[in-house]
């Protein structure tokens, strides 16, 4: 039996975002990407979902009304 560590992959708005560091928590990854994608700070998080040898996390834009 061979144990293999699964890689993490993050997606936002159809864009694949590489894992900035496996030592970072998912919240730390959110903080890291929120500088380039400010909407991620308030986005909902789905996952992880096992796809092949990856754990896929999806950031989804929070939908709400302004006003």
PDB file of N, CA and C in Angstrom:
ATOM      1  N   UNK A   1       0.837  -1.163   0.000  1.00  0.00           N
ATOM      2  CA  UNK A   1       0.000   0.000   0.000  1.00  0.00           C
ATOM      3  C   UNK A   1       0.895   1.243   0.000  1.00  0.00           C
ATOM      4  N   UNK A   2       0.520   2.198  -0.827  1.00  0.00           N
ATOM      5  CA  UNK A   2       1.294   3.423  -0.916  1.00  0.00           C
ATOM      6  C   UNK A   2       0.391   4.598  -0.541  1.00  0.00           C
ATOM      7  N   UNK A   3       0.896   5.452   0.341  1.00  0.00           N
ATOM      8  CA  UNK A   3       0.132   6.617   0.764  1.00  0.00           C
ATOM      9  C   UNK A   3       0.598   7.814  -0.038  1.00  0.00           C
ATOM     10  N   UNK A   4      -0.368   8.504  -0.622  1.00  0.00           N
ATOM     11  CA  UNK A   4      -0.065   9.656  -1.453  1.00  0.00           C
ATOM     12  C   UNK A   4      -0.796  10.868  -0.882  1.00  0.00           C
ATOM     13  N   UNK A   5      -0.086  11.978  -0.713  1.00  0.00           N
ATOM     14  CA  UNK A   5      -0.723  13.189  -0.228  1.00  0.00           C
ATOM     15  C   UNK A   5      -1.416  13.887  -1.394  1.00  0.00           C
ATOM     16  N   UNK A   6      -2.650  14.289  -1.165  1.00  0.00           N
ATOM     17  CA  UNK A   6      -3.415  14.946  -2.221  1.00  0.00           C
ATOM     18  C   UNK A   6      -3.065  16.429  -2.260  1.00  0.00           C
ATOM     19  N   UNK A   7      -2.936  16.964  -3.459  1.00  0.00           N
ATOM     20  CA  UNK A   7      -2.674  18.386  -3.634  1.00  0.00           C
ATOM     21  C   UNK A   7      -3.971  19.155  -3.482  1.00  0.00           C
ATOM     22  N   UNK A   8      -3.865  20.411  -3.066  1.00  0.00           N
ATOM     23  CA  UNK A   8      -5.041  21.264  -2.985  1.00  0.00           C
ATOM     24  C   UNK A   8      -5.089  22.163  -4.212  1.00  0.00           C
ATOM     25  N   UNK A   9      -6.291  22.430  -4.654  1.00  0.00           N
ATOM     26  CA  UNK A   9      -6.493  23.364  -5.760  1.00  0.00           C
ATOM     27  C   UNK A   9      -7.676  24.252  -5.380  1.00  0.00           C
ATOM     28  N   UNK A  10      -7.553  25.516  -5.686  1.00  0.00           N
ATOM     29  CA  UNK A  10      -8.602  26.477  -5.372  1.00  0.00           C
ATOM     30  C   UNK A  10      -9.126  27.065  -6.669  1.00  0.00           C
ATOM     31  N   UNK A  11     -10.430  27.293  -6.737  1.00  0.00           N
ATOM     32  CA  UNK A  11     -11.008  27.933  -7.922  1.00  0.00           C
ATOM     33  C   UNK A  11     -11.884  29.094  -7.478  1.00  0.00           C
ATOM     34  N   UNK A  12     -11.905  30.105  -8.331  1.00  0.00           N
ATOM     35  CA  UNK A  12     -12.766  31.255  -8.094  1.00  0.00           C
ATOM     36  C   UNK A  12     -13.215  31.796  -9.443  1.00  0.00           C
ATOM     37  N   UNK A  13     -14.504  31.870  -9.634  1.00  0.00           N
ATOM     38  CA  UNK A  13     -15.070  32.444 -10.858  1.00  0.00           C
ATOM     39  C   UNK A  13     -14.506  31.765 -12.118  1.00  0.00           C
ATOM     40  N   UNK A  14     -14.324  30.444 -12.050  1.00  0.00           N
ATOM     41  CA  UNK A  14     -13.822  29.686 -13.189  1.00  0.00           C
ATOM     42  C   UNK A  14     -12.317  29.710 -13.356  1.00  0.00           C
ATOM     43  N   UNK A  15     -11.601  30.392 -12.457  1.00  0.00           N
ATOM     44  CA  UNK A  15     -10.139  30.506 -12.546  1.00  0.00           C
ATOM     45  C   UNK A  15      -9.508  29.546 -11.546  1.00  0.00           C
ATOM     46  N   UNK A  16      -8.586  28.726 -12.016  1.00  0.00           N
ATOM     47  CA  UNK A  16      -7.853  27.833 -11.122  1.00  0.00           C
ATOM     48  C   UNK A  16      -6.743  28.622 -10.448  1.00  0.00           C
ATOM     49  N   UNK A  17      -6.710  28.532  -9.132  1.00  0.00           N
ATOM     50  CA  UNK A  17      -5.707  29.234  -8.341  1.00  0.00           C
ATOM     51  C   UNK A  17      -4.797  28.195  -7.689  1.00  0.00           C
ATOM     52  N   UNK A  18      -3.495  28.280  -7.917  1.00  0.00           N
ATOM     53  CA  UNK A  18      -2.593  27.302  -7.309  1.00  0.00           C
ATOM     54  C   UNK A  18      -2.541  27.477  -5.790  1.00  0.00           C
ATOM     55  N   UNK A  19      -2.206  26.421  -5.115  1.00  0.00           N
ATOM     56  CA  UNK A  19      -2.066  26.448  -3.665  1.00  0.00           C
ATOM     57  C   UNK A  19      -0.819  27.259  -3.325  1.00  0.00           C
ATOM     58  N   UNK A  20      -0.966  28.385  -2.604  1.00  0.00           N
ATOM     59  CA  UNK A  20       0.211  29.196  -2.286  1.00  0.00           C
ATOM     60  C   UNK A  20       1.134  28.557  -1.252  1.00  0.00           C
ATOM     61  N   UNK A  21       0.674  27.523  -0.599  1.00  0.00           N
ATOM     62  CA  UNK A  21       1.525  26.826   0.358  1.00  0.00           C
ATOM     63  C   UNK A  21       0.717  25.827   1.154  1.00  0.00           C
ATOM     64  N   UNK A  22       1.152  24.584   1.158  1.00  0.00           N
ATOM     65  CA  UNK A  22       0.397  23.534   1.842  1.00  0.00           C
ATOM     66  C   UNK A  22       0.388  23.729   3.355  1.00  0.00           C
ATOM     67  N   UNK A  23       1.300  24.552   3.862  1.00  0.00           N
ATOM     68  CA  UNK A  23       1.333  24.812   5.299  1.00  0.00           C
ATOM     69  C   UNK A  23       0.286  25.835   5.724  1.00  0.00           C
ATOM     70  N   UNK A  24      -0.330  26.518   4.750  1.00  0.00           N
ATOM     71  CA  UNK A  24      -1.345  27.525   5.039  1.00  0.00           C
ATOM     72  C   UNK A  24      -2.716  26.877   5.225  1.00  0.00           C
ATOM     73  N   UNK A  25      -3.481  27.429   6.148  1.00  0.00           N
ATOM     74  CA  UNK A  25      -4.859  26.955   6.308  1.00  0.00           C
ATOM     75  C   UNK A  25      -5.692  27.522   5.163  1.00  0.00           C
ATOM     76  N   UNK A  26      -6.901  27.025   5.008  1.00  0.00           N
ATOM     77  CA  UNK A  26      -7.780  27.503   3.948  1.00  0.00           C
ATOM     78  C   UNK A  26      -8.100  28.985   4.170  1.00  0.00           C
ATOM     79  N   UNK A  27      -8.275  29.396   5.422  1.00  0.00           N
ATOM     80  CA  UNK A  27      -8.531  30.813   5.707  1.00  0.00           C
ATOM     81  C   UNK A  27      -7.324  31.679   5.357  1.00  0.00           C
ATOM     82  N   UNK A  28      -6.128  31.176   5.568  1.00  0.00           N
ATOM     83  CA  UNK A  28      -4.928  31.921   5.197  1.00  0.00           C
ATOM     84  C   UNK A  28      -4.802  32.025   3.680  1.00  0.00           C
ATOM     85  N   UNK A  29      -5.213  30.986   2.965  1.00  0.00           N
ATOM     86  CA  UNK A  29      -5.216  31.029   1.499  1.00  0.00           C
ATOM     87  C   UNK A  29      -6.220  32.085   1.036  1.00  0.00           C
ATOM     88  N   UNK A  30      -7.383  32.126   1.656  1.00  0.00           N
ATOM     89  CA  UNK A  30      -8.391  33.141   1.327  1.00  0.00           C
ATOM     90  C   UNK A  30      -7.794  34.542   1.508  1.00  0.00           C
ATOM     91  N   UNK A  31      -7.111  34.763   2.636  1.00  0.00           N
ATOM     92  CA  UNK A  31      -6.494  36.065   2.895  1.00  0.00           C
ATOM     93  C   UNK A  31      -5.437  36.398   1.840  1.00  0.00           C
ATOM     94  N   UNK A  32      -4.655  35.411   1.446  1.00  0.00           N
ATOM     95  CA  UNK A  32      -3.602  35.634   0.458  1.00  0.00           C
ATOM     96  C   UNK A  32      -4.186  36.034  -0.895  1.00  0.00           C
ATOM     97  N   UNK A  33      -5.256  35.387  -1.315  1.00  0.00           N
ATOM     98  CA  UNK A  33      -5.845  35.678  -2.619  1.00  0.00           C
ATOM     99  C   UNK A  33      -6.781  36.887  -2.595  1.00  0.00           C
ATOM    100  N   UNK A  34      -7.197  37.337  -1.420  1.00  0.00           N
ATOM    101  CA  UNK A  34      -8.110  38.477  -1.364  1.00  0.00           C
ATOM    102  C   UNK A  34      -7.433  39.779  -1.784  1.00  0.00           C
ATOM    103  N   UNK A  35      -6.115  39.818  -1.811  1.00  0.00           N
ATOM    104  CA  UNK A  35      -5.437  41.022  -2.308  1.00  0.00           C
ATOM    105  C   UNK A  35      -5.602  41.142  -3.816  1.00  0.00           C
ATOM    106  N   UNK A  36      -5.568  40.036  -4.528  1.00  0.00           N
ATOM    107  CA  UNK A  36      -5.746  40.053  -5.983  1.00  0.00           C
ATOM    108  C   UNK A  36      -7.216  39.982  -6.374  1.00  0.00           C
ATOM    109  N   UNK A  37      -8.010  39.285  -5.576  1.00  0.00           N
ATOM    110  CA  UNK A  37      -9.447  39.122  -5.821  1.00  0.00           C
ATOM    111  C   UNK A  37     -10.201  39.539  -4.561  1.00  0.00           C
ATOM    112  N   UNK A  38     -10.492  40.837  -4.390  1.00  0.00           N
ATOM    113  CA  UNK A  38     -11.121  41.305  -3.147  1.00  0.00           C
ATOM    114  C   UNK A  38     -12.441  40.614  -2.810  1.00  0.00           C
ATOM    115  N   UNK A  39     -13.169  40.119  -3.828  1.00  0.00           N
ATOM    116  CA  UNK A  39     -14.454  39.468  -3.593  1.00  0.00           C
ATOM    117  C   UNK A  39     -14.311  38.165  -2.814  1.00  0.00           C
ATOM    118  N   UNK A  40     -13.123  37.579  -2.846  1.00  0.00           N
ATOM    119  CA  UNK A  40     -12.892  36.314  -2.143  1.00  0.00           C
ATOM    120  C   UNK A  40     -13.051  36.496  -0.630  1.00  0.00           C
ATOM    121  N   UNK A  41     -12.781  37.681  -0.136  1.00  0.00           N
ATOM    122  CA  UNK A  41     -12.879  37.926   1.308  1.00  0.00           C
ATOM    123  C   UNK A  41     -14.276  37.635   1.834  1.00  0.00           C
ATOM    124  N   UNK A  42     -15.309  37.858   1.012  1.00  0.00           N
ATOM    125  CA  UNK A  42     -16.681  37.611   1.455  1.00  0.00           C
ATOM    126  C   UNK A  42     -17.323  36.426   0.746  1.00  0.00           C
ATOM    127  N   UNK A  43     -16.546  35.722  -0.063  1.00  0.00           N
ATOM    128  CA  UNK A  43     -17.079  34.589  -0.820  1.00  0.00           C
ATOM    129  C   UNK A  43     -17.322  33.397   0.094  1.00  0.00           C
ATOM    130  N   UNK A  44     -18.282  32.579  -0.299  1.00  0.00           N
ATOM    131  CA  UNK A  44     -18.500  31.338   0.436  1.00  0.00           C
ATOM    132  C   UNK A  44     -17.508  30.291  -0.079  1.00  0.00           C
ATOM    133  N   UNK A  45     -17.229  29.321   0.764  1.00  0.00           N
ATOM    134  CA  UNK A  45     -16.261  28.285   0.420  1.00  0.00           C
ATOM    135  C   UNK A  45     -16.962  26.948   0.358  1.00  0.00           C
ATOM    136  N   UNK A  46     -16.759  26.236  -0.736  1.00  0.00           N
ATOM    137  CA  UNK A  46     -17.306  24.894  -0.899  1.00  0.00           C
ATOM    138  C   UNK A  46     -16.143  23.918  -1.019  1.00  0.00           C
ATOM    139  N   UNK A  47     -16.298  22.770  -0.407  1.00  0.00           N
ATOM    140  CA  UNK A  47     -15.276  21.750  -0.537  1.00  0.00           C
ATOM    141  C   UNK A  47     -14.657  21.416   0.800  1.00  0.00           C
ATOM    142  N   UNK A  48     -13.704  20.550   0.762  1.00  0.00           N
ATOM    143  CA  UNK A  48     -13.015  20.045  -0.422  1.00  0.00           C
ATOM    144  C   UNK A  48     -13.770  18.912  -1.095  1.00  0.00           C
ATOM    145  N   UNK A  49     -13.563  18.842  -2.387  1.00  0.00           N
ATOM    146  CA  UNK A  49     -14.108  17.773  -3.207  1.00  0.00           C
ATOM    147  C   UNK A  49     -12.924  17.032  -3.826  1.00  0.00           C
ATOM    148  N   UNK A  50     -12.889  15.728  -3.653  1.00  0.00           N
ATOM    149  CA  UNK A  50     -11.792  14.935  -4.223  1.00  0.00           C
ATOM    150  C   UNK A  50     -12.027  14.748  -5.712  1.00  0.00           C
ATOM    151  N   UNK A  51     -11.099  15.263  -6.508  1.00  0.00           N
ATOM    152  CA  UNK A  51     -11.149  15.129  -7.963  1.00  0.00           C
ATOM    153  C   UNK A  51      -9.791  14.581  -8.396  1.00  0.00           C
ATOM    154  N   UNK A  52      -9.768  13.314  -8.765  1.00  0.00           N
ATOM    155  CA  UNK A  52      -8.487  12.686  -9.102  1.00  0.00           C
ATOM    156  C   UNK A  52      -7.604  12.655  -7.870  1.00  0.00           C
ATOM    157  N   UNK A  53      -6.410  13.228  -7.992  1.00  0.00           N
ATOM    158  CA  UNK A  53      -5.491  13.259  -6.859  1.00  0.00           C
ATOM    159  C   UNK A  53      -5.434  14.648  -6.225  1.00  0.00           C
ATOM    160  N   UNK A  54      -6.504  15.438  -6.396  1.00  0.00           N
ATOM    161  CA  UNK A  54      -6.543  16.790  -5.850  1.00  0.00           C
ATOM    162  C   UNK A  54      -7.764  16.981  -4.967  1.00  0.00           C
ATOM    163  N   UNK A  55      -7.614  17.859  -3.997  1.00  0.00           N
ATOM    164  CA  UNK A  55      -8.730  18.318  -3.190  1.00  0.00           C
ATOM    165  C   UNK A  55      -9.089  19.701  -3.708  1.00  0.00           C
ATOM    166  N   UNK A  56     -10.272  19.842  -4.262  1.00  0.00           N
ATOM    167  CA  UNK A  56     -10.674  21.096  -4.893  1.00  0.00           C
ATOM    168  C   UNK A  56     -11.584  21.882  -3.953  1.00  0.00           C
ATOM    169  N   UNK A  57     -11.190  23.123  -3.710  1.00  0.00           N
ATOM    170  CA  UNK A  57     -11.977  24.064  -2.927  1.00  0.00           C
ATOM    171  C   UNK A  57     -12.489  25.125  -3.892  1.00  0.00           C
ATOM    172  N   UNK A  58     -13.748  25.519  -3.734  1.00  0.00           N
ATOM    173  CA  UNK A  58     -14.342  26.527  -4.626  1.00  0.00           C
ATOM    174  C   UNK A  58     -14.812  27.732  -3.823  1.00  0.00           C
ATOM    175  N   UNK A  59     -14.326  28.892  -4.224  1.00  0.00           N
ATOM    176  CA  UNK A  59     -14.810  30.143  -3.659  1.00  0.00           C
ATOM    177  C   UNK A  59     -15.945  30.611  -4.561  1.00  0.00           C
ATOM    178  N   UNK A  60     -17.098  30.895  -3.964  1.00  0.00           N
ATOM    179  CA  UNK A  60     -18.255  31.371  -4.725  1.00  0.00           C
ATOM    180  C   UNK A  60     -18.622  32.762  -4.215  1.00  0.00           C
ATOM    181  N   UNK A  61     -18.886  33.642  -5.156  1.00  0.00           N
ATOM    182  CA  UNK A  61     -19.250  35.010  -4.811  1.00  0.00           C
ATOM    183  C   UNK A  61     -20.513  35.024  -3.963  1.00  0.00           C
ATOM    184  N   UNK A  62     -20.473  35.840  -2.939  1.00  0.00           N
ATOM    185  CA  UNK A  62     -21.670  36.016  -2.113  1.00  0.00           C
ATOM    186  C   UNK A  62     -22.671  36.838  -2.887  1.00  0.00           C
ATOM    187  N   UNK A  63     -23.884  36.322  -3.001  1.00  0.00           N
ATOM    188  CA  UNK A  63     -24.908  37.020  -3.756  1.00  0.00           C
ATOM    189  C   UNK A  63     -25.836  37.694  -2.763  1.00  0.00           C
ATOM    190  N   UNK A  64     -26.026  38.965  -2.958  1.00  0.00           N
ATOM    191  CA  UNK A  64     -26.896  39.718  -2.067  1.00  0.00           C
ATOM    192  C   UNK A  64     -27.342  40.983  -2.756  1.00  0.00           C
ATOM    193  N   UNK A  65     -28.191  41.690  -2.079  1.00  0.00           N
ATOM    194  CA  UNK A  65     -28.669  42.942  -2.665  1.00  0.00           C
ATOM    195  C   UNK A  65     -27.997  44.120  -2.006  1.00  0.00           C
ATOM    196  N   UNK A  66     -27.749  45.129  -2.786  1.00  0.00           N
ATOM    197  CA  UNK A  66     -27.186  46.359  -2.263  1.00  0.00           C
ATOM    198  C   UNK A  66     -28.329  47.263  -1.853  1.00  0.00           C
ATOM    199  N   UNK A  67     -28.049  48.089  -0.878  1.00  0.00           N
ATOM    200  CA  UNK A  67     -29.075  49.056  -0.557  1.00  0.00           C
ATOM    201  C   UNK A  67     -29.324  49.262   0.848  1.00  0.00           C
TER     202      UNK A  67
END
